[in-house]
Amino acid sequence: MTADELYALPLEEFTVARNALAKEQPEVKELKKPSRAAWTVNQLARERRGDVKALVEAGRKLRKAQAGGTDMAAATEAERKALDTLLEAARERGATTDAILGGVRSTLQAAAADDEAAERVLEGRLEKELEAPGFGPLLAAAAAAPQPAKRKQAPRRDRAREEAERKRAREAQAALREAERTEAAARREWEKAKAALERARAAAG
């Protein structure tokens, strides 16, 4: 057995198999048992590799769209669909609690937002979940955008226009943050309702 095969095992078999493998390969003893969310993502990287790659590619296209200011709606929708596909696969894999699904979601979002994180996810050997970008790629792009240079003794009309533009930018960022919070809350409520429905069906069936 190899270390890669170790991470493909059912989670409850990991520790026993690692300790047995460590007798032949002592360095394996340092490998840590994955969290449930990380283990779920590792299995998705193996069993749904094409879908994970589709999410990574959708994330790259979204970042390009943000940089170029074009096709934002289509790119955002493509990333959302790719993420939803994998989250549904995670639920089928038994990730039905808010905590586990939240960890799976943040890890997949990190893979969509960052190439290095994507490589780690595709390796299928995560020990713990990854953190998604704090305010999402849109806010990251806005924060990285160069600010208009201040001009000395600018005409009053220009100063007023620049101030209005800065105000609109601040308002847009605030609106985006609020929209992200609303979306996250709605998603959590949806996941709770779905989990409750699944539990009810299991109890009835």
Foldseek 3Di string as FASTA:
>chain_A
DDLLVLLQDDLVCNPVVLVVVCVVVVVSVPAARADLLLSLLLNCLVPVVVLLVQLQVLLVVCLVCLVVVPPNVVSVVSNVVSLVVSLVVSVVVVQQDLVSSVLNSQLSQQSSNDVVSVVVSNSSRDRYGDGHDDLHPNVVSVVPDDQDDDDPPDPPVVVVVSVVVVVVSVVVSVVSSVVVVVVVVVVSVVSVVVSVVVVVVVVVD
